[in-house]
Amino acid sequence: MAALPGIVTSPEVRYLLGAILILTGLALAFWGHGLWATVMSLIGALLGSVVGFLFGVALGSDLTGLILAIVGAVIGSILFTKLVKVALAFLVGLLAGAAIYALLGGKAQFTAGQLDTPLIAAILVLVVVFGISYYFIDDIIGIITAAIGGLLLALGLYLLQVVPTTTAALAGLGVFVLGAFMQTSAIRRKRQARAAAATAASPPPPPSS
């Protein structure tokens, strides 16, 4: 099994993080279409805090970073809540871009005046996937959240190291497929119920003279 990053070598931290990832992954995989607004708010807060902290450290000190991290968390949470569809589509594009960057061998080492081919390809994929995801977001919300849930589940099992890496990946894939099917079916039933209710509530046509 691959070595874990140094930050999660502590058993307590690893078990706690792994349990959180597994529970979050299962929730997203099977009920993500009803939880995505809350999840996007949390993700926005996380990303905002990271960006704020990095800017704060670059501009001043760790204290400035902590202050800007709090500000960034609030702003990020608000933005991702208000623009939840945009945020989810962007997250999907970001994941796709990161996957392409890793597959092309990107190492996050840049040289001034030189174009980094993996980074350019990742940005192009991000933009394309973001546009497609946003356009079809209402139709694929169950699939997207199930995919994120399966990924988190696999990562949680990997951190716990209770099963081999391949088994964790297969478990994540299985949860994704099952969750996507269940959520897609639930969304379809809700749409049919709303359509039937709208049809029943519409006034009858006027009698012909």
C-alpha atoms as a PDB file:
ATOM      1  CA  MET A   1       0.000   0.000   0.000  1.00  0.00           C
ATOM      2  CA  ALA A   2       1.272   3.487  -0.869  1.00  0.00           C
ATOM      3  CA  ALA A   3       2.774   5.591   1.880  1.00  0.00           C
ATOM      4  CA  LEU A   4       0.541   8.184   3.462  1.00  0.00           C
ATOM      5  CA  PRO A   5       1.400  11.899   3.505  1.00  0.00           C
ATOM      6  CA  GLY A   6       3.248  12.993   6.615  1.00  0.00           C
ATOM      7  CA  ILE A   7       0.367  15.146   7.847  1.00  0.00           C
ATOM      8  CA  VAL A   8      -1.860  12.099   8.341  1.00  0.00           C
ATOM      9  CA  THR A   9       0.651   9.658   9.808  1.00  0.00           C
ATOM     10  CA  SER A  10      -0.851  10.156  13.284  1.00  0.00           C
ATOM     11  CA  PRO A  11      -3.325   7.275  13.845  1.00  0.00           C
ATOM     12  CA  GLU A  12      -5.853   9.507  15.611  1.00  0.00           C
ATOM     13  CA  VAL A  13      -5.856  12.095  12.812  1.00  0.00           C
ATOM     14  CA  ARG A  14      -5.967   9.392  10.150  1.00  0.00           C
ATOM     15  CA  TYR A  15      -8.906   7.542  11.715  1.00  0.00           C
ATOM     16  CA  LEU A  16     -10.886  10.730  12.329  1.00  0.00           C
ATOM     17  CA  LEU A  17     -10.290  12.081   8.828  1.00  0.00           C
ATOM     18  CA  GLY A  18     -11.010   8.706   7.261  1.00  0.00           C
ATOM     19  CA  ALA A  19     -14.310   8.348   9.144  1.00  0.00           C
ATOM     20  CA  ILE A  20     -15.378  11.864   8.167  1.00  0.00           C
ATOM     21  CA  LEU A  21     -14.561  11.224   4.515  1.00  0.00           C
ATOM     22  CA  ILE A  22     -16.448   7.923   4.483  1.00  0.00           C
ATOM     23  CA  LEU A  23     -19.572   9.365   6.109  1.00  0.00           C
ATOM     24  CA  THR A  24     -19.493  12.448   3.888  1.00  0.00           C
ATOM     25  CA  GLY A  25     -18.938  10.296   0.826  1.00  0.00           C
ATOM     26  CA  LEU A  26     -21.895   8.039   1.604  1.00  0.00           C
ATOM     27  CA  ALA A  27     -24.141  11.048   2.266  1.00  0.00           C
ATOM     28  CA  LEU A  28     -23.175  12.674  -1.018  1.00  0.00           C
ATOM     29  CA  ALA A  29     -23.371   9.450  -3.012  1.00  0.00           C
ATOM     30  CA  PHE A  30     -26.942   8.590  -1.973  1.00  0.00           C
ATOM     31  CA  TRP A  31     -28.510  11.908  -0.908  1.00  0.00           C
ATOM     32  CA  GLY A  32     -26.267  14.471  -2.582  1.00  0.00           C
ATOM     33  CA  HIS A  33     -29.004  16.109  -4.671  1.00  0.00           C
ATOM     34  CA  GLY A  34     -30.678  17.216  -1.463  1.00  0.00           C
ATOM     35  CA  LEU A  35     -27.504  18.165   0.397  1.00  0.00           C
ATOM     36  CA  TRP A  36     -25.481  19.888  -2.294  1.00  0.00           C
ATOM     37  CA  ALA A  37     -26.302  23.460  -1.224  1.00  0.00           C
ATOM     38  CA  THR A  38     -24.952  22.808   2.273  1.00  0.00           C
ATOM     39  CA  VAL A  39     -21.917  20.972   0.941  1.00  0.00           C
ATOM     40  CA  MET A  40     -21.139  23.779  -1.507  1.00  0.00           C
ATOM     41  CA  SER A  41     -21.319  26.272   1.347  1.00  0.00           C
ATOM     42  CA  LEU A  42     -18.764  24.248   3.312  1.00  0.00           C
ATOM     43  CA  ILE A  43     -16.497  23.864   0.282  1.00  0.00           C
ATOM     44  CA  GLY A  44     -16.725  27.594  -0.395  1.00  0.00           C
ATOM     45  CA  ALA A  45     -15.738  28.337   3.181  1.00  0.00           C
ATOM     46  CA  LEU A  46     -12.797  25.930   2.940  1.00  0.00           C
ATOM     47  CA  LEU A  47     -11.501  27.333  -0.351  1.00  0.00           C
ATOM     48  CA  GLY A  48     -12.037  30.907   0.816  1.00  0.00           C
ATOM     49  CA  SER A  49     -10.123  30.309   4.029  1.00  0.00           C
ATOM     50  CA  VAL A  50      -7.202  28.728   2.149  1.00  0.00           C
ATOM     51  CA  VAL A  51      -6.990  31.604  -0.330  1.00  0.00           C
ATOM     52  CA  GLY A  52      -7.308  34.179   2.449  1.00  0.00           C
ATOM     53  CA  PHE A  53      -4.597  32.527   4.520  1.00  0.00           C
ATOM     54  CA  LEU A  54      -2.181  32.336   1.592  1.00  0.00           C
ATOM     55  CA  PHE A  55      -2.729  36.007   0.732  1.00  0.00           C
ATOM     56  CA  GLY A  56      -2.402  37.003   4.371  1.00  0.00           C
ATOM     57  CA  VAL A  57       0.881  35.150   4.824  1.00  0.00           C
ATOM     58  CA  ALA A  58       2.236  36.617   1.591  1.00  0.00           C
ATOM     59  CA  LEU A  59       1.270  40.149   2.623  1.00  0.00           C
ATOM     60  CA  GLY A  60       2.201  40.063   6.283  1.00  0.00           C
ATOM     61  CA  SER A  61       2.384  37.349   8.902  1.00  0.00           C
ATOM     62  CA  ASP A  62       0.610  34.240  10.129  1.00  0.00           C
ATOM     63  CA  LEU A  63      -1.758  36.418  12.158  1.00  0.00           C
ATOM     64  CA  THR A  64      -2.726  38.353   9.036  1.00  0.00           C
ATOM     65  CA  GLY A  65      -3.215  35.042   7.306  1.00  0.00           C
ATOM     66  CA  LEU A  66      -5.557  33.794  10.016  1.00  0.00           C
ATOM     67  CA  ILE A  67      -7.599  36.994   9.901  1.00  0.00           C
ATOM     68  CA  LEU A  68      -7.912  36.876   6.110  1.00  0.00           C
ATOM     69  CA  ALA A  69      -8.683  33.154   6.326  1.00  0.00           C
ATOM     70  CA  ILE A  70     -11.745  33.930   8.456  1.00  0.00           C
ATOM     71  CA  VAL A  71     -12.812  36.692   6.075  1.00  0.00           C
ATOM     72  CA  GLY A  72     -12.227  34.433   3.082  1.00  0.00           C
ATOM     73  CA  ALA A  73     -14.238  31.621   4.670  1.00  0.00           C
ATOM     74  CA  VAL A  74     -17.243  33.899   5.152  1.00  0.00           C
ATOM     75  CA  ILE A  75     -17.020  35.342   1.633  1.00  0.00           C
ATOM     76  CA  GLY A  76     -16.458  31.926   0.062  1.00  0.00           C
ATOM     77  CA  SER A  77     -19.397  30.400   1.917  1.00  0.00           C
ATOM     78  CA  ILE A  78     -21.713  33.229   0.829  1.00  0.00           C
ATOM     79  CA  LEU A  79     -20.597  33.095  -2.798  1.00  0.00           C
ATOM     80  CA  PHE A  80     -20.897  29.323  -3.066  1.00  0.00           C
ATOM     81  CA  THR A  81     -24.314  29.430  -1.409  1.00  0.00           C
ATOM     82  CA  LYS A  82     -25.666  32.175  -3.672  1.00  0.00           C
ATOM     83  CA  LEU A  83     -24.076  30.752  -6.804  1.00  0.00           C
ATOM     84  CA  VAL A  84     -24.481  27.104  -5.887  1.00  0.00           C
ATOM     85  CA  LYS A  85     -24.939  25.828  -9.448  1.00  0.00           C
ATOM     86  CA  VAL A  86     -21.949  27.798 -10.690  1.00  0.00           C
ATOM     87  CA  ALA A  87     -19.911  26.587  -7.714  1.00  0.00           C
ATOM     88  CA  LEU A  88     -20.763  22.932  -8.295  1.00  0.00           C
ATOM     89  CA  ALA A  89     -20.030  23.168 -12.017  1.00  0.00           C
ATOM     90  CA  PHE A  90     -16.725  24.891 -11.235  1.00  0.00           C
ATOM     91  CA  LEU A  91     -15.841  22.169  -8.732  1.00  0.00           C
ATOM     92  CA  VAL A  92     -16.473  19.499 -11.353  1.00  0.00           C
ATOM     93  CA  GLY A  93     -14.329  21.408 -13.850  1.00  0.00           C
ATOM     94  CA  LEU A  94     -11.604  21.834 -11.243  1.00  0.00           C
ATOM     95  CA  LEU A  95     -11.542  18.103 -10.484  1.00  0.00           C
ATOM     96  CA  ALA A  96     -11.414  17.269 -14.188  1.00  0.00           C
ATOM     97  CA  GLY A  97      -8.608  19.779 -14.747  1.00  0.00           C
ATOM     98  CA  ALA A  98      -6.643  18.411 -11.795  1.00  0.00           C
ATOM     99  CA  ALA A  99      -7.048  14.859 -13.111  1.00  0.00           C
ATOM    100  CA  ILE A 100      -5.773  15.864 -16.560  1.00  0.00           C
ATOM    101  CA  TYR A 101      -2.871  17.765 -15.007  1.00  0.00           C
ATOM    102  CA  ALA A 102      -1.861  14.696 -13.010  1.00  0.00           C
ATOM    103  CA  LEU A 103      -2.250  12.339 -15.986  1.00  0.00           C
ATOM    104  CA  LEU A 104      -0.028  14.572 -18.132  1.00  0.00           C
ATOM    105  CA  GLY A 105       2.693  14.530 -15.494  1.00  0.00           C
ATOM    106  CA  GLY A 106       2.343  18.083 -14.166  1.00  0.00           C
ATOM    107  CA  LYS A 107       4.673  18.782 -11.248  1.00  0.00           C
ATOM    108  CA  ALA A 108       3.625  22.344 -10.307  1.00  0.00           C
ATOM    109  CA  GLN A 109       7.097  23.605 -11.249  1.00  0.00           C
ATOM    110  CA  PHE A 110       6.946  26.586 -13.578  1.00  0.00           C
ATOM    111  CA  THR A 111       9.674  28.456 -15.446  1.00  0.00           C
ATOM    112  CA  ALA A 112       9.293  32.124 -16.353  1.00  0.00           C
ATOM    113  CA  GLY A 113       8.727  32.623 -20.068  1.00  0.00           C
ATOM    114  CA  GLN A 114       7.864  28.985 -20.744  1.00  0.00           C
ATOM    115  CA  LEU A 115       4.405  27.547 -21.292  1.00  0.00           C
ATOM    116  CA  ASP A 116       3.551  24.564 -19.158  1.00  0.00           C
ATOM    117  CA  THR A 117       1.700  22.157 -21.456  1.00  0.00           C
ATOM    118  CA  PRO A 118      -0.041  20.118 -18.695  1.00  0.00           C
ATOM    119  CA  LEU A 119      -1.274  23.345 -17.062  1.00  0.00           C
ATOM    120  CA  ILE A 120      -2.652  24.714 -20.349  1.00  0.00           C
ATOM    121  CA  ALA A 121      -4.426  21.420 -21.050  1.00  0.00           C
ATOM    122  CA  ALA A 122      -5.824  21.353 -17.507  1.00  0.00           C
ATOM    123  CA  ILE A 123      -7.177  24.900 -17.833  1.00  0.00           C
ATOM    124  CA  LEU A 124      -8.812  24.100 -21.178  1.00  0.00           C
ATOM    125  CA  VAL A 125     -10.436  20.978 -19.704  1.00  0.00           C
ATOM    126  CA  LEU A 126     -11.580  22.982 -16.677  1.00  0.00           C
ATOM    127  CA  VAL A 127     -13.287  25.576 -18.887  1.00  0.00           C
ATOM    128  CA  VAL A 128     -14.942  23.005 -21.171  1.00  0.00           C
ATOM    129  CA  VAL A 129     -16.141  20.747 -18.356  1.00  0.00           C
ATOM    130  CA  PHE A 130     -17.374  23.756 -16.371  1.00  0.00           C
ATOM    131  CA  GLY A 131     -19.478  24.967 -19.313  1.00  0.00           C
ATOM    132  CA  ILE A 132     -20.964  21.540 -20.006  1.00  0.00           C
ATOM    133  CA  SER A 133     -21.639  20.840 -16.339  1.00  0.00           C
ATOM    134  CA  TYR A 134     -23.339  24.190 -15.775  1.00  0.00           C
ATOM    135  CA  TYR A 135     -25.588  23.747 -18.821  1.00  0.00           C
ATOM    136  CA  PHE A 136     -26.739  20.269 -17.751  1.00  0.00           C
ATOM    137  CA  ILE A 137     -26.410  20.766 -13.981  1.00  0.00           C
ATOM    138  CA  ASP A 138     -30.057  19.996 -13.189  1.00  0.00           C
ATOM    139  CA  ASP A 139     -29.875  16.729 -15.127  1.00  0.00           C
ATOM    140  CA  ILE A 140     -26.551  15.446 -13.831  1.00  0.00           C
ATOM    141  CA  ILE A 141     -26.586  16.702 -10.221  1.00  0.00           C
ATOM    142  CA  GLY A 142     -27.134  13.174  -8.909  1.00  0.00           C
ATOM    143  CA  ILE A 143     -24.279  11.785 -10.998  1.00  0.00           C
ATOM    144  CA  ILE A 144     -21.895  14.558  -9.946  1.00  0.00           C
ATOM    145  CA  THR A 145     -22.569  14.247  -6.238  1.00  0.00           C
ATOM    146  CA  ALA A 146     -22.398  10.445  -6.467  1.00  0.00           C
ATOM    147  CA  ALA A 147     -18.999  10.714  -8.166  1.00  0.00           C
ATOM    148  CA  ILE A 148     -17.700  13.059  -5.473  1.00  0.00           C
ATOM    149  CA  GLY A 149     -19.145  10.773  -2.797  1.00  0.00           C
ATOM    150  CA  GLY A 150     -17.483   7.699  -4.275  1.00  0.00           C
ATOM    151  CA  LEU A 151     -14.164   9.530  -4.450  1.00  0.00           C
ATOM    152  CA  LEU A 152     -14.397  10.619  -0.809  1.00  0.00           C
ATOM    153  CA  LEU A 153     -15.349   7.105   0.283  1.00  0.00           C
ATOM    154  CA  ALA A 154     -12.355   5.609  -1.522  1.00  0.00           C
ATOM    155  CA  LEU A 155     -10.051   8.221   0.006  1.00  0.00           C
ATOM    156  CA  GLY A 156     -11.454   7.543   3.474  1.00  0.00           C
ATOM    157  CA  LEU A 157     -10.880   3.793   3.134  1.00  0.00           C
ATOM    158  CA  TYR A 158      -7.372   4.488   1.876  1.00  0.00           C
ATOM    159  CA  LEU A 159      -6.595   6.634   4.911  1.00  0.00           C
ATOM    160  CA  LEU A 160      -7.949   4.019   7.312  1.00  0.00           C
ATOM    161  CA  GLN A 161      -5.793   1.387   5.577  1.00  0.00           C
ATOM    162  CA  VAL A 162      -8.308  -1.341   6.392  1.00  0.00           C
ATOM    163  CA  VAL A 163      -8.394  -2.604   2.790  1.00  0.00           C
ATOM    164  CA  PRO A 164      -5.921  -2.590  -0.106  1.00  0.00           C
ATOM    165  CA  THR A 165      -5.828   0.486  -2.337  1.00  0.00           C
ATOM    166  CA  THR A 166      -7.418  -1.404  -5.239  1.00  0.00           C
ATOM    167  CA  THR A 167     -10.299  -2.537  -3.047  1.00  0.00           C
ATOM    168  CA  ALA A 168     -10.837   1.022  -1.810  1.00  0.00           C
ATOM    169  CA  ALA A 169     -10.958   2.250  -5.413  1.00  0.00           C
ATOM    170  CA  LEU A 170     -13.429  -0.476  -6.409  1.00  0.00           C
ATOM    171  CA  ALA A 171     -15.605   0.340  -3.376  1.00  0.00           C
ATOM    172  CA  GLY A 172     -15.652   3.995  -4.381  1.00  0.00           C
ATOM    173  CA  LEU A 173     -16.573   3.048  -7.950  1.00  0.00           C
ATOM    174  CA  GLY A 174     -19.360   0.766  -6.752  1.00  0.00           C
ATOM    175  CA  VAL A 175     -20.802   3.433  -4.458  1.00  0.00           C
ATOM    176  CA  PHE A 176     -20.650   5.933  -7.327  1.00  0.00           C
ATOM    177  CA  VAL A 177     -22.567   3.654  -9.704  1.00  0.00           C
ATOM    178  CA  LEU A 178     -25.207   2.678  -7.130  1.00  0.00           C
ATOM    179  CA  GLY A 179     -25.566   6.224  -5.811  1.00  0.00           C
ATOM    180  CA  ALA A 180     -25.850   7.716  -9.294  1.00  0.00           C
ATOM    181  CA  PHE A 181     -28.582   5.214 -10.194  1.00  0.00           C
ATOM    182  CA  MET A 182     -30.557   5.821  -6.999  1.00  0.00           C
ATOM    183  CA  GLN A 183     -30.270   9.606  -7.146  1.00  0.00           C
ATOM    184  CA  THR A 184     -31.124   9.774 -10.845  1.00  0.00           C
ATOM    185  CA  SER A 185     -34.208   7.639 -10.223  1.00  0.00           C
ATOM    186  CA  ALA A 186     -35.245   9.806  -7.259  1.00  0.00           C
ATOM    187  CA  ILE A 187     -34.817  13.022  -9.273  1.00  0.00           C
ATOM    188  CA  ARG A 188     -36.845  11.548 -12.137  1.00  0.00           C
ATOM    189  CA  ARG A 189     -39.670  10.569  -9.777  1.00  0.00           C
ATOM    190  CA  LYS A 190     -39.727  14.073  -8.254  1.00  0.00           C
ATOM    191  CA  ARG A 191     -39.958  15.648 -11.699  1.00  0.00           C
ATOM    192  CA  GLN A 192     -42.778  13.334 -12.709  1.00  0.00           C
ATOM    193  CA  ALA A 193     -44.625  14.132  -9.472  1.00  0.00           C
ATOM    194  CA  ARG A 194     -44.224  17.895 -10.033  1.00  0.00           C
ATOM    195  CA  ALA A 195     -45.383  17.550 -13.625  1.00  0.00           C
ATOM    196  CA  ALA A 196     -48.439  15.535 -12.539  1.00  0.00           C
ATOM    197  CA  ALA A 197     -49.251  18.090  -9.826  1.00  0.00           C
ATOM    198  CA  ALA A 198     -48.938  20.959 -12.300  1.00  0.00           C
ATOM    199  CA  THR A 199     -51.202  19.170 -14.764  1.00  0.00           C
ATOM    200  CA  ALA A 200     -53.798  18.482 -12.075  1.00  0.00           C
ATOM    201  CA  ALA A 201     -53.718  22.099 -10.904  1.00  0.00           C
ATOM    202  CA  SER A 202     -54.121  23.607 -14.371  1.00  0.00           C
ATOM    203  CA  PRO A 203     -57.643  24.901 -15.092  1.00  0.00           C
ATOM    204  CA  PRO A 204     -59.768  22.906 -17.523  1.00  0.00           C
ATOM    205  CA  PRO A 205     -60.133  24.337 -21.028  1.00  0.00           C
ATOM    206  CA  PRO A 206     -63.220  26.538 -21.616  1.00  0.00           C
ATOM    207  CA  PRO A 207     -66.213  24.770 -23.108  1.00  0.00           C
ATOM    208  CA  SER A 208     -66.523  25.128 -26.864  1.00  0.00           C
ATOM    209  CA  SER A 209     -69.530  27.078 -28.035  1.00  0.00           C
END
